[in-house]
Amino acid sequence: MNVSYHGHSVVKVEANGKTILFDPFITGNSLTDLKADDVKVDVILLTHGHNDHVGDTVDLALKNDALVVAPFELAEYLEWQGLKVHPMHIGGSHEFDFGTVKLTQAFHGSSYTDYETKTIIYTGMPSGILLTIDGKTIYHAGDTALFSDMKMYGEQHDIDLAFLPIGDNFTMGPGDAAIAAKWLNAATVVPIHFNTFPVIEQNPHAFVSTLANGVGKVLEVGESIKF
């Protein structure tokens, strides 16, 4: 299995003959190394409806006949765009042919903004995602504040790899993310959601240096972890 980071909150998982993308914000993402026209994907996992997470989902899913897994209201909205979707909700899990997905809490917002019509479309509750695939468990926290149930996630699941936002302002900052890393007790913690915009500029290496026992790892854009 190969897990790679592609700027902002974009994570790619390649396993069991499938390519899975979390939150594929590619077009307009100055930090990504991906080009939307070149991306091949089988499954798209969405944590919430903000534009910088839904990103290129519609075009990618239509072009690749990809399945989109998302919180219920967001999945319904995307189905109206002609996408193949599987709606879920917080606390629920489902076993797919590529692995098992469970949605967790995230303390944030969730809406899609149409800037042309100045319309904000409500897309339900935001979530984090636990993906169990090829014997490994990956936690993508999405956009979230620190919350105490992260302790429970660490107790209930043997998390091999956790992706945590550190940008502050909209999500946890580095200090709270360090607490989350301790609570989750993940084998490896990778920072995401930083430096895309001036207001979320952070030093990921400084964050990683605060984590105990060499748990933290900065993935440069395009860099991967192999299991």
Protein backbone atom coordinates (compact mmCIF):
# COMPACT_ATOMS: atom_id res chain seq x y z
CA MET A 1 0.00 0.00 0.00
CA ASN A 2 1.18 3.50 -0.86
CA VAL A 3 -0.16 6.61 0.91
CA SER A 4 0.87 9.99 -0.46
CA TYR A 5 0.24 13.66 0.39
CA HIS A 6 -0.57 16.25 -2.26
CA GLY A 7 -0.96 19.58 -0.52
CA HIS A 8 -3.68 21.11 1.69
CA SER A 9 -5.77 18.08 2.77
CA VAL A 10 -5.36 15.94 -0.35
CA VAL A 11 -4.30 12.38 0.48
CA LYS A 12 -4.04 9.48 -1.98
CA VAL A 13 -4.20 5.83 -0.97
CA GLU A 14 -3.24 3.12 -3.46
CA ALA A 15 -4.06 -0.39 -2.29
CA ASN A 16 -5.85 -3.53 -3.41
CA GLY A 17 -5.78 -2.34 -7.00
CA LYS A 18 -7.74 0.82 -6.10
CA THR A 19 -6.84 4.49 -6.00
CA ILE A 20 -8.62 6.45 -3.30
CA LEU A 21 -8.51 10.23 -2.87
CA PHE A 22 -9.42 12.18 0.24
CA ASP A 23 -10.71 15.74 -0.30
CA PRO A 24 -9.36 16.28 -3.85
CA PHE A 25 -8.82 20.05 -3.90
CA ILE A 26 -6.56 20.26 -6.96
CA THR A 27 -7.65 23.12 -9.23
CA GLY A 28 -6.82 26.34 -7.41
CA ASN A 29 -4.51 24.58 -4.95
CA SER A 30 -1.13 26.23 -5.46
CA LEU A 31 0.63 23.62 -3.33
CA THR A 32 -0.46 20.44 -5.09
CA ASP A 33 1.65 18.49 -7.54
CA LEU A 34 -1.42 16.90 -9.13
CA LYS A 35 -3.09 17.91 -12.37
CA ALA A 36 -6.81 17.23 -12.43
CA ASP A 37 -6.75 16.13 -16.09
CA ASP A 38 -4.21 13.41 -15.29
CA VAL A 39 -5.75 12.01 -12.11
CA LYS A 40 -7.12 8.47 -12.18
CA VAL A 41 -9.28 7.58 -9.21
CA ASP A 42 -11.68 4.82 -8.18
CA VAL A 43 -13.04 6.23 -4.92
CA ILE A 44 -13.31 9.75 -3.50
CA LEU A 45 -13.75 10.19 0.26
CA LEU A 46 -15.03 13.60 1.38
CA THR A 47 -14.88 14.90 4.93
CA HIS A 48 -17.16 17.91 4.38
CA GLY A 49 -18.58 20.30 1.82
CA HIS A 50 -16.24 23.28 1.83
CA ASN A 51 -14.93 24.19 -1.60
CA ASP A 52 -11.30 23.57 -0.63
CA HIS A 53 -12.18 19.94 0.18
CA VAL A 54 -14.82 19.04 -2.42
CA GLY A 55 -12.48 20.59 -4.96
CA ASP A 56 -12.48 18.67 -8.26
CA THR A 57 -14.79 15.91 -7.06
CA VAL A 58 -17.52 16.38 -9.67
CA ASP A 59 -15.19 16.39 -12.68
CA LEU A 60 -13.00 13.58 -11.36
CA ALA A 61 -15.92 11.34 -10.44
CA LEU A 62 -17.67 11.83 -13.78
CA LYS A 63 -14.49 11.28 -15.79
CA ASN A 64 -13.44 8.16 -13.85
CA ASP A 65 -16.86 6.75 -12.94
CA ALA A 66 -15.61 6.96 -9.36
CA LEU A 67 -17.66 6.30 -6.25
CA VAL A 68 -18.00 9.25 -3.88
CA VAL A 69 -18.41 8.49 -0.17
CA ALA A 70 -19.54 11.50 1.86
CA PRO A 71 -21.81 12.64 4.70
CA PHE A 72 -25.47 12.28 3.73
CA GLU A 73 -26.43 15.82 2.71
CA LEU A 74 -23.22 16.34 0.75
CA ALA A 75 -23.65 12.97 -0.98
CA GLU A 76 -27.23 13.88 -1.94
CA TYR A 77 -26.10 17.21 -3.39
CA LEU A 78 -23.39 15.49 -5.43
CA GLU A 79 -25.80 12.81 -6.64
CA TRP A 80 -27.87 15.64 -8.14
CA GLN A 81 -24.75 16.51 -10.17
CA GLY A 82 -24.88 13.02 -11.70
CA LEU A 83 -22.32 11.35 -9.43
CA LYS A 84 -22.34 7.81 -8.10
CA VAL A 85 -22.47 8.24 -4.33
CA HIS A 86 -22.64 6.32 -1.08
CA PRO A 87 -24.09 8.50 1.72
CA MET A 88 -23.00 7.93 5.32
CA HIS A 89 -23.20 9.71 8.63
CA ILE A 90 -21.17 10.20 11.79
CA GLY A 91 -20.67 7.02 13.79
CA GLY A 92 -21.63 4.80 10.88
CA SER A 93 -19.32 2.41 9.09
CA HIS A 94 -19.60 0.45 5.86
CA GLU A 95 -17.52 -2.31 4.33
CA PHE A 96 -16.73 -1.65 0.68
CA ASP A 97 -14.79 -3.82 -1.76
CA PHE A 98 -11.70 -1.68 -1.15
CA GLY A 99 -11.91 -1.50 2.67
CA THR A 100 -14.03 -0.22 5.55
CA VAL A 101 -14.98 3.44 6.02
CA LYS A 102 -16.21 4.90 9.30
CA LEU A 103 -17.19 8.55 9.74
CA THR A 104 -16.15 10.27 12.94
CA GLN A 105 -17.01 13.59 14.48
CA ALA A 106 -15.34 16.80 13.38
CA PHE A 107 -16.01 20.18 14.94
CA HIS A 108 -16.20 22.56 12.01
CA GLY A 109 -18.75 23.70 9.40
CA SER A 110 -19.88 22.19 6.12
CA SER A 111 -21.30 24.08 3.16
CA TYR A 112 -20.57 24.56 -0.52
CA THR A 113 -20.31 28.12 -1.83
CA ASP A 114 -21.43 29.11 -5.34
CA TYR A 115 -19.56 32.36 -5.81
CA GLU A 116 -21.33 33.24 -9.07
CA THR A 117 -24.78 33.23 -7.50
CA LYS A 118 -23.54 34.15 -4.01
CA THR A 119 -25.29 31.08 -2.64
CA ILE A 120 -24.16 28.96 0.31
CA ILE A 121 -25.48 25.39 0.16
CA TYR A 122 -25.73 23.51 3.44
CA THR A 123 -24.04 20.12 3.19
CA GLY A 124 -24.71 18.57 6.57
CA MET A 125 -22.31 17.77 9.39
CA PRO A 126 -18.56 17.71 8.82
CA SER A 127 -16.70 14.50 9.58
CA GLY A 128 -13.39 12.80 9.95
CA ILE A 129 -12.77 9.46 8.26
CA LEU A 130 -11.32 6.19 9.51
CA LEU A 131 -10.29 4.03 6.56
CA THR A 132 -9.29 0.45 7.28
CA ILE A 133 -7.63 -1.04 4.23
CA ASP A 134 -5.15 -3.84 3.59
CA GLY A 135 -4.80 -4.45 7.33
CA LYS A 136 -4.00 -0.80 8.17
CA THR A 137 -6.12 1.98 9.68
CA ILE A 138 -5.77 5.54 8.39
CA TYR A 139 -7.43 8.47 10.15
CA HIS A 140 -8.06 11.67 8.18
CA ALA A 141 -9.38 14.20 10.67
CA GLY A 142 -10.74 16.56 8.02
CA ASP A 143 -11.10 20.12 9.27
CA THR A 144 -11.67 20.10 13.00
CA ALA A 145 -11.03 21.64 16.36
CA LEU A 146 -9.57 19.55 19.13
CA PHE A 147 -12.23 17.48 20.91
CA SER A 148 -11.99 14.96 23.72
CA ASP A 149 -13.54 12.02 21.83
CA MET A 150 -10.24 11.74 19.99
CA LYS A 151 -9.11 9.87 23.10
CA MET A 152 -11.85 7.31 22.46
CA TYR A 153 -10.81 6.92 18.82
CA GLY A 154 -7.30 6.15 20.01
CA GLU A 155 -8.62 3.58 22.47
CA GLN A 156 -11.01 1.90 20.04
CA HIS A 157 -8.75 1.78 16.99
CA ASP A 158 -5.12 0.89 16.38
CA ILE A 159 -4.40 3.84 14.11
CA ASP A 160 -1.38 3.32 11.89
CA LEU A 161 -1.41 6.73 10.23
CA ALA A 162 -3.20 9.95 11.22
CA PHE A 163 -3.50 13.10 9.12
CA LEU A 164 -4.16 16.13 11.35
CA PRO A 165 -4.78 19.77 10.38
CA ILE A 166 -2.38 22.27 11.95
CA GLY A 167 -3.21 25.51 10.14
CA ASP A 168 -5.06 27.21 13.01
CA ASN A 169 -7.69 29.93 12.39
CA PHE A 170 -10.13 27.49 10.70
CA THR A 171 -8.95 24.30 12.45
CA MET A 172 -6.68 23.12 15.21
CA GLY A 173 -3.37 24.87 15.46
CA PRO A 174 -0.11 23.06 16.17
CA GLY A 175 -0.57 23.04 19.95
CA ASP A 176 -4.01 21.45 19.87
CA ALA A 177 -2.93 19.08 17.09
CA ALA A 178 -0.10 17.87 19.31
CA ILE A 179 -2.64 17.03 22.02
CA ALA A 180 -4.78 15.23 19.41
CA ALA A 181 -1.75 13.21 18.31
CA LYS A 182 -1.16 12.09 21.91
CA TRP A 183 -4.80 11.12 22.41
CA LEU A 184 -5.04 9.23 19.12
CA ASN A 185 -1.86 7.27 19.87
CA ALA A 186 -1.27 6.78 16.15
CA ALA A 187 1.93 5.11 15.01
CA THR A 188 2.62 7.98 12.60
CA VAL A 189 1.14 11.50 12.51
CA VAL A 190 1.34 13.69 9.41
CA PRO A 191 0.37 17.39 9.42
CA ILE A 192 -2.05 18.70 6.76
CA HIS A 193 -4.13 21.82 6.02
CA PHE A 194 -1.36 24.42 6.31
CA ASN A 195 0.39 27.03 4.13
CA THR A 196 -2.23 26.97 1.35
CA PHE A 197 -3.40 30.45 2.34
CA PRO A 198 -1.57 33.17 4.32
CA VAL A 199 -3.92 32.85 7.29
CA ILE A 200 -2.97 29.18 7.83
CA GLU A 201 0.80 29.47 7.42
CA GLN A 202 2.62 27.12 9.80
CA ASN A 203 5.93 25.33 10.11
CA PRO A 204 5.14 21.60 9.91
CA HIS A 205 8.66 20.64 10.97
CA ALA A 206 8.29 22.66 14.16
CA PHE A 207 5.01 20.87 14.85
CA VAL A 208 6.52 17.43 14.27
CA SER A 209 9.40 18.27 16.62
CA THR A 210 6.92 18.65 19.50
CA LEU A 211 5.60 15.08 19.14
CA ALA A 212 6.99 12.31 21.30
CA ASN A 213 9.00 9.27 20.22
CA GLY A 214 9.49 10.26 16.59
CA VAL A 215 5.79 9.79 15.84
CA GLY A 216 5.51 12.86 13.60
CA LYS A 217 6.48 12.87 9.96
CA VAL A 218 6.30 15.73 7.47
CA LEU A 219 5.34 14.54 4.02
CA GLU A 220 6.47 16.93 1.34
CA VAL A 221 4.06 17.35 -1.54
CA GLY A 222 4.11 14.17 -3.58
CA GLU A 223 5.99 12.20 -0.91
CA SER A 224 4.57 8.88 0.27
CA ILE A 225 4.61 6.30 3.03
CA LYS A 226 4.66 2.64 2.08
CA PHE A 227 3.24 -0.18 4.16
